Amino acid sequence: MNKELDALILRKNALEAELSRIIKEQKKEPEGSLQVRGGRKNYRYFHITSKQSKVTRTYIRKENHNLAQLLALKRYNRLRSREIQSELKYLSELIAQKEKQVITSNSLLYDTPGYNELLLPVLFPQNKKTKEWLAATYESNQNYPEALRYKTRSGIMVRSKSEVFIANCLYEHGIPFRYECGLELGERTFYPDFTIYLAKQNREIIWEHFGLIENEDYRENMFSKVRRYMAHGYVPGHSMICTYESNMHPITEEYLKKVLNAFLLDASVGWQ
């Protein structure tokens, strides 16, 4: 059942309950009707009754104010009852029309109670695997916590503005990732900037961003790290993404979009 039909049925049920209450009140209504005279809050109320074609108008005193209220409610209920019956007729026709409509695969998958729970794990098993991967605990980099100064849109703290750029792009495109997740390579543990889960392939890839390549010592360390990764099966362009920047050539949003299009958009599962 789709959400629009659910809303119509809820509205119909609410109106039927209101009409049922009004019908009960109408059984206890006083005879006659109410006439209001005066103005500027100085109102006078009269009880109008009719018997054998004779109309009688009786002033309602303050001590009998409850009678005026009951007569006012009587008129309100009569008007409200007509409105409800008119709307119920319209809703009944509309609901019948909606129920005759052919159920689509999307409405069965996303809007039909019971089917949703059965079909989603079968048709989109990567969603379940992604949730499990994101929920799992992992060793994170505990070195220099004071350097985690930049907050991302997903709420995690990172060490540079460029990493904020990358983390935000991954988050906004629904690509599941971990920041500085421990990776054992031989006897050493490395902490790649980002570890990304490719649910459809059920594998992880890493993303290292090298941001100071104009520095000679930094470059030597970068080459050493990449060689170590490659020695353990992490090949740039396949199981590893490498991005670079310098003071002269900072990272840009356009640059990141090209990387995402080339490597990762197929990994998007819309998990956030």
Protein backbone atom coordinates (compact mmCIF):
# COMPACT_ATOMS: atom_id res chain seq x y z
CA MET A 1 0.00 0.00 0.00
CA ASN A 2 1.49 3.32 -0.98
CA LYS A 3 1.86 6.28 1.34
CA GLU A 4 -0.75 8.38 -0.46
CA LEU A 5 -3.36 5.66 -0.07
CA ASP A 6 -2.40 5.21 3.60
CA ALA A 7 -2.96 8.93 4.20
CA LEU A 8 -6.38 8.83 2.52
CA ILE A 9 -7.49 5.87 4.63
CA LEU A 10 -6.27 7.55 7.83
CA ARG A 11 -8.25 10.67 6.93
CA LYS A 12 -11.35 8.59 6.19
CA ASN A 13 -11.07 6.74 9.50
CA ALA A 14 -10.70 10.03 11.41
CA LEU A 15 -13.79 11.52 9.72
CA GLU A 16 -15.84 8.38 10.40
CA ALA A 17 -14.89 8.55 14.08
CA GLU A 18 -15.87 12.23 14.21
CA LEU A 19 -19.19 11.53 12.48
CA SER A 20 -19.92 8.69 14.91
CA ARG A 21 -19.37 11.07 17.85
CA ILE A 22 -21.68 13.69 16.31
CA ILE A 23 -24.45 11.12 15.75
CA LYS A 24 -24.28 10.15 19.43
CA GLU A 25 -24.51 13.82 20.46
CA GLN A 26 -27.46 14.42 18.13
CA LYS A 27 -29.50 11.78 19.99
CA LYS A 28 -29.33 13.98 23.11
CA GLU A 29 -30.00 17.32 21.43
CA PRO A 30 -32.71 19.62 22.79
CA GLU A 31 -35.66 20.48 20.59
CA GLY A 32 -35.78 23.71 18.66
CA SER A 33 -33.09 26.09 17.51
CA LEU A 34 -31.08 29.08 18.68
CA GLN A 35 -31.59 32.71 17.73
CA VAL A 36 -28.91 35.29 18.53
CA ARG A 37 -29.62 38.98 18.89
CA GLY A 38 -27.47 41.95 19.84
CA GLY A 39 -23.78 42.56 19.24
CA ARG A 40 -20.48 43.89 20.59
CA LYS A 41 -20.38 41.00 23.06
CA ASN A 42 -23.77 41.98 24.43
CA TYR A 43 -25.62 39.04 22.96
CA ARG A 44 -29.09 37.83 23.81
CA TYR A 45 -30.06 34.25 23.12
CA PHE A 46 -33.54 32.94 22.31
CA HIS A 47 -34.87 29.41 22.16
CA ILE A 48 -37.05 28.92 19.07
CA THR A 49 -39.54 26.04 19.14
CA SER A 50 -42.40 25.11 16.86
CA LYS A 51 -45.50 23.12 17.76
CA GLN A 52 -48.51 22.66 15.50
CA SER A 53 -47.28 25.42 13.19
CA LYS A 54 -46.98 27.78 16.14
CA VAL A 55 -43.49 29.30 16.59
CA THR A 56 -42.45 30.26 20.09
CA ARG A 57 -39.47 32.42 20.99
CA THR A 58 -38.26 32.17 24.59
CA TYR A 59 -35.46 34.28 26.07
CA ILE A 60 -32.66 32.16 27.51
CA ARG A 61 -31.58 33.55 30.87
CA LYS A 62 -27.98 33.52 32.07
CA GLU A 63 -28.67 30.73 34.56
CA ASN A 64 -29.77 28.58 31.61
CA HIS A 65 -26.68 29.38 29.52
CA ASN A 66 -26.02 25.65 29.03
CA LEU A 67 -29.15 25.40 26.87
CA ALA A 68 -27.78 28.09 24.53
CA GLN A 69 -24.53 26.14 24.21
CA LEU A 70 -26.38 22.91 23.42
CA LEU A 71 -28.48 24.63 20.76
CA ALA A 72 -25.35 26.22 19.23
CA LEU A 73 -23.66 22.82 19.21
CA LYS A 74 -26.76 21.33 17.58
CA ARG A 75 -26.47 23.71 14.64
CA TYR A 76 -22.69 23.22 14.40
CA ASN A 77 -23.06 19.42 14.40
CA ARG A 78 -25.69 19.57 11.67
CA LEU A 79 -23.39 21.63 9.41
CA ARG A 80 -20.33 19.59 10.28
CA SER A 81 -22.19 16.33 9.63
CA ARG A 82 -23.05 17.45 6.09
CA GLU A 83 -19.43 18.45 5.42
CA ILE A 84 -18.10 15.13 6.71
CA GLN A 85 -20.56 13.08 4.69
CA SER A 86 -19.62 15.00 1.56
CA GLU A 87 -15.91 14.48 2.15
CA LEU A 88 -16.39 10.80 3.03
CA LYS A 89 -18.20 10.24 -0.25
CA TYR A 90 -15.29 11.85 -2.13
CA LEU A 91 -12.67 9.89 -0.15
CA SER A 92 -14.44 6.56 -0.66
CA GLU A 93 -14.47 7.08 -4.42
CA LEU A 94 -10.82 8.19 -4.43
CA ILE A 95 -9.68 5.24 -2.28
CA ALA A 96 -11.52 2.77 -4.49
CA GLN A 97 -9.83 4.32 -7.52
CA LYS A 98 -6.38 4.13 -5.89
CA GLU A 99 -6.88 0.50 -4.84
CA LYS A 100 -7.65 -0.45 -8.42
CA GLN A 101 -4.39 0.97 -9.68
CA VAL A 102 -1.76 -1.55 -10.74
CA ILE A 103 0.98 -2.07 -8.13
CA THR A 104 4.42 -1.23 -9.52
CA SER A 105 7.65 -2.97 -8.59
CA ASN A 106 8.81 0.19 -6.80
CA SER A 107 5.64 0.50 -4.73
CA LEU A 108 5.90 -3.19 -3.82
CA LEU A 109 9.55 -2.79 -2.85
CA TYR A 110 9.39 0.49 -0.94
CA ASP A 111 5.77 1.08 0.09
CA THR A 112 4.22 -2.33 0.78
CA PRO A 113 4.57 -3.49 4.40
CA GLY A 114 6.08 -6.96 4.68
CA TYR A 115 7.47 -7.03 1.15
CA ASN A 116 9.98 -4.29 1.88
CA GLU A 117 11.68 -6.32 4.61
CA LEU A 118 11.81 -9.45 2.44
CA LEU A 119 12.96 -7.91 -0.84
CA LEU A 120 15.59 -5.32 0.13
CA PRO A 121 18.14 -7.85 1.50
CA VAL A 122 17.70 -9.97 -1.64
CA LEU A 123 17.81 -7.22 -4.24
CA PHE A 124 20.34 -4.99 -2.48
CA PRO A 125 22.55 -7.25 -0.34
CA GLN A 126 25.29 -4.59 -0.49
CA ASN A 127 23.20 -2.35 1.77
CA LYS A 128 23.28 -4.93 4.56
CA LYS A 129 26.98 -5.60 4.05
CA THR A 130 27.73 -1.88 4.08
CA LYS A 131 25.85 -1.33 7.36
CA GLU A 132 27.73 -4.23 8.94
CA TRP A 133 31.07 -2.87 7.66
CA LEU A 134 30.34 0.61 9.00
CA ALA A 135 29.21 -0.76 12.36
CA ALA A 136 32.32 -2.91 12.85
CA THR A 137 35.03 -1.63 15.20
CA TYR A 138 38.51 -0.98 13.83
CA GLU A 139 41.91 0.21 14.98
CA SER A 140 42.34 3.91 14.31
CA ASN A 141 45.44 6.04 14.34
CA GLN A 142 46.11 7.24 17.88
CA ASN A 143 49.21 9.25 16.98
CA TYR A 144 49.13 13.04 17.33
CA PRO A 145 45.43 13.40 18.23
CA GLU A 146 46.00 17.15 18.66
CA ALA A 147 46.41 17.37 14.87
CA LEU A 148 42.79 16.32 14.32
CA ARG A 149 41.58 19.89 14.02
CA TYR A 150 39.19 19.93 11.08
CA LYS A 151 35.58 18.77 11.30
CA THR A 152 33.86 17.13 8.33
CA ARG A 153 30.16 17.02 7.43
CA SER A 154 29.94 13.44 8.66
CA GLY A 155 31.17 14.61 12.06
CA ILE A 156 34.64 13.05 12.07
CA MET A 157 37.79 15.09 12.69
CA VAL A 158 40.66 15.02 10.18
CA ARG A 159 44.15 16.50 9.95
CA SER A 160 43.98 18.83 6.95
CA LYS A 161 41.61 20.93 4.89
CA SER A 162 42.31 18.70 1.89
CA GLU A 163 41.16 15.68 3.89
CA VAL A 164 37.99 17.61 4.77
CA PHE A 165 37.44 18.05 1.03
CA ILE A 166 37.84 14.32 0.39
CA ALA A 167 35.80 13.16 3.38
CA ASN A 168 32.93 15.50 2.47
CA CYS A 169 32.93 14.30 -1.15
CA LEU A 170 32.78 10.66 -0.04
CA TYR A 171 30.02 11.39 2.46
CA GLU A 172 27.90 13.44 0.07
CA HIS A 173 28.10 10.72 -2.59
CA GLY A 174 27.09 8.01 -0.11
CA ILE A 175 30.40 6.16 -0.35
CA PRO A 176 31.20 4.23 2.87
CA PHE A 177 34.63 4.96 4.32
CA ARG A 178 36.80 4.83 7.41
CA TYR A 179 39.36 7.45 8.35
CA GLU A 180 42.89 6.30 9.23
CA CYS A 181 41.90 2.67 9.69
CA GLY A 182 44.79 0.42 10.76
CA LEU A 183 46.23 -1.79 7.99
CA GLU A 184 48.84 -4.42 8.80
CA LEU A 185 51.49 -4.78 6.11
CA GLY A 186 54.01 -7.35 7.27
CA GLU A 187 55.28 -6.37 10.68
CA ARG A 188 54.15 -2.76 10.44
CA THR A 189 50.75 -1.11 10.77
CA PHE A 190 49.93 1.68 8.34
CA TYR A 191 47.02 4.09 8.56
CA PRO A 192 45.85 5.05 5.07
CA ASP A 193 43.98 8.34 4.97
CA PHE A 194 40.77 6.64 3.85
CA THR A 195 39.65 3.04 3.59
CA ILE A 196 36.69 2.62 1.24
CA TYR A 197 34.31 -0.32 1.06
CA LEU A 198 33.15 -1.52 -2.36
CA ALA A 199 30.06 -3.46 -1.31
CA LYS A 200 29.20 -4.87 -4.75
CA GLN A 201 32.67 -6.39 -4.97
CA ASN A 202 32.89 -7.03 -1.22
CA ARG A 203 36.39 -5.59 -1.00
CA GLU A 204 38.24 -2.63 0.41
CA ILE A 205 40.47 -0.10 -1.33
CA ILE A 206 42.58 2.62 0.23
CA TRP A 207 43.02 6.29 -0.59
CA GLU A 208 46.23 8.14 0.24
CA HIS A 209 46.42 11.87 -0.27
CA PHE A 210 49.92 13.33 -0.53
CA GLY A 211 49.78 17.03 0.18
CA LEU A 212 53.37 18.26 0.45
CA ILE A 213 55.08 16.86 -2.61
CA GLU A 214 57.27 19.94 -3.07
CA ASN A 215 59.11 18.85 0.09
CA GLU A 216 61.95 16.46 -0.77
CA ASP A 217 61.85 14.48 2.48
CA TYR A 218 58.07 14.16 2.17
CA ARG A 219 58.44 12.84 -1.41
CA GLU A 220 60.96 10.21 -0.33
CA ASN A 221 58.61 9.04 2.42
CA MET A 222 55.74 9.01 -0.10
CA PHE A 223 57.64 6.82 -2.56
CA SER A 224 58.65 4.47 0.24
CA LYS A 225 55.08 4.17 1.45
CA VAL A 226 53.68 3.52 -2.04
CA ARG A 227 56.32 0.83 -2.67
CA ARG A 228 55.35 -0.83 0.62
CA TYR A 229 51.69 -0.77 -0.35
CA MET A 230 52.43 -2.23 -3.79
CA ALA A 231 54.53 -4.99 -2.25
CA HIS A 232 51.42 -6.09 -0.38
CA GLY A 233 49.01 -5.95 -3.33
CA TYR A 234 47.75 -2.38 -3.14
CA VAL A 235 48.24 -1.10 -6.67
CA PRO A 236 47.48 2.53 -7.56
CA GLY A 237 44.53 2.72 -9.94
CA HIS A 238 43.18 -0.66 -8.83
CA SER A 239 43.12 -1.22 -5.08
CA MET A 240 44.63 2.11 -4.16
CA ILE A 241 43.83 5.74 -5.03
CA CYS A 242 46.64 8.29 -4.85
CA THR A 243 46.01 12.01 -5.06
CA TYR A 244 48.58 14.78 -4.87
CA GLU A 245 48.88 18.50 -4.31
CA SER A 246 51.45 21.20 -3.68
CA ASN A 247 51.34 24.84 -2.71
CA MET A 248 51.36 25.74 -6.39
CA HIS A 249 48.74 23.15 -7.30
CA PRO A 250 46.21 22.70 -4.47
CA ILE A 251 43.47 20.12 -4.58
CA THR A 252 40.19 21.31 -6.17
CA GLU A 253 36.59 20.16 -6.19
CA GLU A 254 36.78 19.50 -9.94
CA TYR A 255 39.85 17.32 -9.42
CA LEU A 256 38.08 15.27 -6.74
CA LYS A 257 34.97 14.82 -8.91
CA LYS A 258 37.13 13.34 -11.65
CA VAL A 259 38.64 10.90 -9.17
CA LEU A 260 35.19 9.91 -7.92
CA ASN A 261 33.85 9.44 -11.43
CA ALA A 262 36.84 7.31 -12.38
CA PHE A 263 36.96 5.04 -9.34
CA LEU A 264 34.10 5.28 -6.89
CA LEU A 265 30.64 6.35 -8.05
CA ASP A 266 29.70 2.71 -8.56
CA ALA A 267 30.46 2.23 -4.85
CA SER A 268 27.75 4.68 -3.77
CA VAL A 269 25.02 3.06 -1.69
CA GLY A 270 23.45 6.16 -0.13
CA TRP A 271 24.16 4.99 3.41
CA GLN A 272 24.21 8.33 5.26
